[in-house]
Amino acid sequence: MRKIVKIQEPLSLTEHRSKSHSTYENYPDKDRLRISLVTEQRGICCYCMGEIQADESKMKIEHLHSQSGYPLEQLDYSNLFGACLGNMKTGTNTHCDTFKGNKDFNFHMCTSGNIHAAIKYKTNGEIYSDNINLNNELNSVLNLNLPELIKARKSTVEGFVKANISGKLGKLNKKQLIRFRDKWAGNLSSDSLQPFCMVVVSFLETKISKL
């Protein structure tokens, strides 16, 4: 999970919200909204960090606070995010918004400080937090420790090490490790991020802290 910095909302959303009887369901420009959400999230799901694309068949528009529970927020851009399909098509082993449904996730990806710093990863790819409430919701609300997600996170770190620093880790200095970290965190460009990028960032930050 990565802190999200919101960009300006689509003009069509602003205009729609100002109309009488406007709802999310009758908002006609969801394609533009998807583009905005994917752009500001730089191509990764707001929860699991898997890849998303601005296409209805490849992402979901997520209401952090559900439409049924918080109807006054259904058109609030700060409440809207881009999420992966979360195995919606298979109907089994769902995660992210598909698993979450109308449950509350009480940690806003924009305003909950640096949410990345509160999240950790075990060497086997499991996600967790020392914050008891956050740790519980990562599992009970988002189901982020599905075996396939654990495997994907572990494989991402292993692939990074093999491709970039295998055999060199003990020789790389702090400056070099920081550059790798900044690249994966998206600090060196505005390009799309690699899926599960923050797992590699966390791995590198652990290495940097020991130097």
Protein backbone atom coordinates (compact mmCIF):
# COMPACT_ATOMS: atom_id res chain seq x y z
CA MET A 1 0.00 0.00 0.00
CA ARG A 2 1.29 3.41 -0.97
CA LYS A 3 0.24 6.92 0.03
CA ILE A 4 -1.83 8.47 -2.75
CA VAL A 5 -1.62 12.15 -3.68
CA LYS A 6 -4.86 13.26 -5.28
CA ILE A 7 -4.80 15.31 -8.48
CA GLN A 8 -7.56 17.66 -9.60
CA GLU A 9 -10.82 15.83 -10.09
CA PRO A 10 -12.36 15.57 -13.57
CA LEU A 11 -14.38 18.65 -14.48
CA SER A 12 -17.26 16.39 -15.45
CA LEU A 13 -17.43 15.09 -11.86
CA THR A 14 -17.47 18.62 -10.45
CA GLU A 15 -20.26 19.61 -12.82
CA HIS A 16 -22.27 16.46 -12.20
CA ARG A 17 -22.08 16.88 -8.44
CA SER A 18 -23.58 20.37 -8.72
CA LYS A 19 -26.72 19.08 -10.42
CA SER A 20 -29.94 18.10 -8.70
CA HIS A 21 -30.49 14.38 -8.13
CA SER A 22 -26.89 13.56 -9.03
CA THR A 23 -25.62 10.16 -7.92
CA TYR A 24 -22.62 8.00 -8.70
CA GLU A 25 -24.85 5.66 -10.69
CA ASN A 26 -26.06 8.38 -13.06
CA TYR A 27 -22.62 9.99 -13.47
CA PRO A 28 -21.98 9.57 -17.23
CA ASP A 29 -18.22 10.07 -17.47
CA LYS A 30 -16.78 7.14 -15.53
CA ASP A 31 -14.18 6.56 -18.26
CA ARG A 32 -12.62 9.96 -17.48
CA LEU A 33 -12.77 9.18 -13.77
CA ARG A 34 -10.91 5.92 -14.31
CA ILE A 35 -8.17 7.75 -16.18
CA SER A 36 -7.75 10.25 -13.34
CA LEU A 37 -7.61 7.54 -10.67
CA VAL A 38 -5.13 5.37 -12.56
CA THR A 39 -2.98 8.41 -13.34
CA GLU A 40 -2.71 9.58 -9.75
CA GLN A 41 -2.11 6.01 -8.50
CA ARG A 42 0.41 5.51 -11.29
CA GLY A 43 -1.06 2.25 -12.49
CA ILE A 44 -1.33 0.27 -9.26
CA CYS A 45 -4.28 -0.79 -7.10
CA CYS A 46 -4.91 1.40 -4.06
CA TYR A 47 -4.85 -1.68 -1.81
CA CYS A 48 -2.78 -4.62 -3.05
CA MET A 49 -0.61 -2.63 -5.52
CA GLY A 50 -1.33 -5.00 -8.38
CA GLU A 51 -1.51 -3.49 -11.86
CA ILE A 52 -4.63 -1.62 -12.93
CA GLN A 53 -5.53 -0.02 -16.25
CA ALA A 54 -8.13 2.63 -17.05
CA ASP A 55 -10.58 0.13 -18.48
CA GLU A 56 -13.77 -1.17 -16.89
CA SER A 57 -12.62 -4.74 -17.53
CA LYS A 58 -9.30 -4.17 -15.76
CA MET A 59 -10.15 -2.13 -12.66
CA LYS A 60 -12.91 -1.03 -10.31
CA ILE A 61 -13.81 2.44 -9.09
CA GLU A 62 -13.63 2.02 -5.34
CA HIS A 63 -15.56 4.02 -2.74
CA LEU A 64 -13.41 3.93 0.39
CA HIS A 65 -16.56 4.76 2.33
CA SER A 66 -19.27 2.65 0.73
CA GLN A 67 -22.12 4.18 -1.22
CA SER A 68 -24.70 2.44 0.95
CA GLY A 69 -23.13 3.46 4.24
CA TYR A 70 -22.05 6.97 3.27
CA PRO A 71 -24.34 8.20 0.46
CA LEU A 72 -23.24 11.83 0.87
CA GLU A 73 -19.69 10.80 -0.11
CA GLN A 74 -20.57 8.86 -3.25
CA LEU A 75 -19.37 11.72 -5.52
CA ASP A 76 -16.61 13.00 -3.23
CA TYR A 77 -13.39 12.65 -5.21
CA SER A 78 -11.35 12.18 -2.03
CA ASN A 79 -13.42 9.04 -1.40
CA LEU A 80 -12.78 7.54 -4.85
CA PHE A 81 -9.88 5.26 -5.73
CA GLY A 82 -8.83 2.77 -8.37
CA ALA A 83 -8.82 -0.86 -7.29
CA CYS A 84 -8.02 -4.11 -9.02
CA LEU A 85 -10.79 -6.61 -9.79
CA GLY A 86 -9.76 -8.66 -6.77
CA ASN A 87 -10.64 -11.99 -8.42
CA MET A 88 -14.16 -10.72 -9.02
CA LYS A 89 -14.48 -12.79 -12.19
CA THR A 90 -13.68 -16.07 -10.45
CA GLY A 91 -15.84 -15.40 -7.40
CA THR A 92 -13.40 -17.21 -5.12
CA ASN A 93 -10.50 -16.05 -2.96
CA THR A 94 -11.45 -12.43 -3.48
CA HIS A 95 -9.47 -9.48 -2.13
CA CYS A 96 -9.30 -5.68 -2.12
CA ASP A 97 -12.60 -3.94 -2.90
CA THR A 98 -14.28 -7.15 -4.08
CA PHE A 99 -13.72 -8.73 -0.66
CA LYS A 100 -14.28 -5.49 1.24
CA GLY A 101 -17.77 -4.82 -0.08
CA ASN A 102 -19.51 -2.41 2.30
CA LYS A 103 -17.11 -2.96 5.20
CA ASP A 104 -15.13 0.00 6.53
CA PHE A 105 -11.40 0.29 5.98
CA ASN A 106 -10.47 2.92 8.53
CA PHE A 107 -7.12 4.04 7.13
CA HIS A 108 -7.40 6.63 4.35
CA MET A 109 -4.67 6.21 1.74
CA CYS A 110 -4.29 9.99 1.38
CA THR A 111 -4.70 11.34 4.90
CA SER A 112 -3.52 8.55 7.23
CA GLY A 113 -0.01 10.00 7.45
CA ASN A 114 2.53 7.95 5.52
CA ILE A 115 0.56 4.71 5.45
CA HIS A 116 3.49 2.94 3.81
CA ALA A 117 5.56 3.40 6.97
CA ALA A 118 2.91 1.59 9.03
CA ILE A 119 2.96 -1.48 6.78
CA LYS A 120 5.61 -4.18 6.84
CA TYR A 121 6.36 -7.38 4.95
CA LYS A 122 7.76 -10.70 6.10
CA THR A 123 10.40 -12.44 4.03
CA ASN A 124 7.78 -14.93 2.81
CA GLY A 125 5.70 -12.07 1.36
CA GLU A 126 3.09 -11.69 4.09
CA ILE A 127 1.85 -8.16 4.76
CA TYR A 128 1.33 -6.95 8.33
CA SER A 129 1.43 -3.94 10.62
CA ASP A 130 2.44 -3.32 14.22
CA ASN A 131 -0.71 -1.20 14.42
CA ILE A 132 -3.17 -3.78 15.73
CA ASN A 133 -6.23 -2.23 14.08
CA LEU A 134 -4.54 -1.78 10.72
CA ASN A 135 -3.12 -5.30 10.86
CA ASN A 136 -6.59 -6.70 11.52
CA GLU A 137 -8.18 -4.76 8.67
CA LEU A 138 -5.50 -5.76 6.15
CA ASN A 139 -6.85 -9.27 6.63
CA SER A 140 -10.47 -8.99 7.75
CA VAL A 141 -11.46 -6.13 5.42
CA LEU A 142 -9.10 -6.45 2.44
CA ASN A 143 -7.92 -10.09 2.60
CA LEU A 144 -4.41 -9.12 1.51
CA ASN A 145 -2.72 -12.29 2.70
CA LEU A 146 -4.19 -14.60 0.12
CA PRO A 147 -1.54 -17.13 -1.00
CA GLU A 148 -1.44 -15.67 -4.51
CA LEU A 149 -0.73 -12.16 -3.16
CA ILE A 150 1.88 -13.44 -0.72
CA LYS A 151 3.57 -15.25 -3.61
CA ALA A 152 3.42 -12.17 -5.85
CA ARG A 153 5.04 -9.95 -3.22
CA LYS A 154 7.79 -12.46 -2.51
CA SER A 155 8.43 -13.00 -6.22
CA THR A 156 8.67 -9.25 -6.80
CA VAL A 157 11.45 -8.88 -4.24
CA GLU A 158 13.25 -11.99 -5.46
CA GLY A 159 13.01 -10.80 -9.06
CA PHE A 160 14.39 -7.40 -8.13
CA VAL A 161 17.33 -8.91 -6.25
CA LYS A 162 18.12 -11.34 -9.05
CA ALA A 163 17.94 -8.70 -11.78
CA ASN A 164 19.69 -5.85 -10.01
CA ILE A 165 21.78 -6.72 -6.99
CA SER A 166 22.24 -10.48 -6.72
CA GLY A 167 25.77 -11.07 -5.48
CA LYS A 168 26.31 -7.33 -5.02
CA LEU A 169 24.21 -6.59 -1.95
CA GLY A 170 27.13 -6.56 0.43
CA LYS A 171 29.10 -4.33 -1.93
CA LEU A 172 26.49 -1.68 -2.66
CA ASN A 173 26.86 1.53 -0.69
CA LYS A 174 24.08 3.49 0.95
CA LYS A 175 23.82 5.99 -1.89
CA GLN A 176 23.28 3.21 -4.42
CA LEU A 177 20.62 1.53 -2.31
CA ILE A 178 18.83 4.85 -1.79
CA ARG A 179 18.72 5.38 -5.56
CA PHE A 180 17.18 1.95 -6.06
CA ARG A 181 14.65 2.73 -3.33
CA ASP A 182 13.74 6.10 -4.81
CA LYS A 183 13.30 4.57 -8.25
CA TRP A 184 10.90 1.90 -6.98
CA ALA A 185 9.06 4.42 -4.78
CA GLY A 186 8.48 6.58 -7.85
CA ASN A 187 10.53 9.51 -6.61
CA LEU A 188 12.72 9.76 -9.71
CA SER A 189 9.99 10.02 -12.35
CA SER A 190 6.25 10.28 -12.82
CA ASP A 191 6.03 7.06 -14.82
CA SER A 192 3.77 4.15 -13.92
CA LEU A 193 4.95 2.17 -10.92
CA GLN A 194 5.91 -1.46 -10.90
CA PRO A 195 3.24 -3.75 -9.40
CA PHE A 196 3.93 -4.42 -5.70
CA CYS A 197 6.63 -1.73 -5.78
CA MET A 198 6.42 -0.84 -2.10
CA VAL A 199 7.48 -4.36 -1.11
CA VAL A 200 10.82 -3.68 -2.78
CA VAL A 201 10.93 -0.22 -1.19
CA SER A 202 10.42 -1.78 2.25
CA PHE A 203 13.13 -4.37 1.54
CA LEU A 204 15.58 -1.65 0.54
CA GLU A 205 14.73 0.58 3.48
CA THR A 206 15.57 -2.28 5.82
CA LYS A 207 18.95 -2.69 4.13
CA ILE A 208 19.61 1.06 4.20
CA SER A 209 18.78 1.30 7.92
CA LYS A 210 21.53 -1.20 8.70
CA LEU A 211 24.27 0.81 7.00
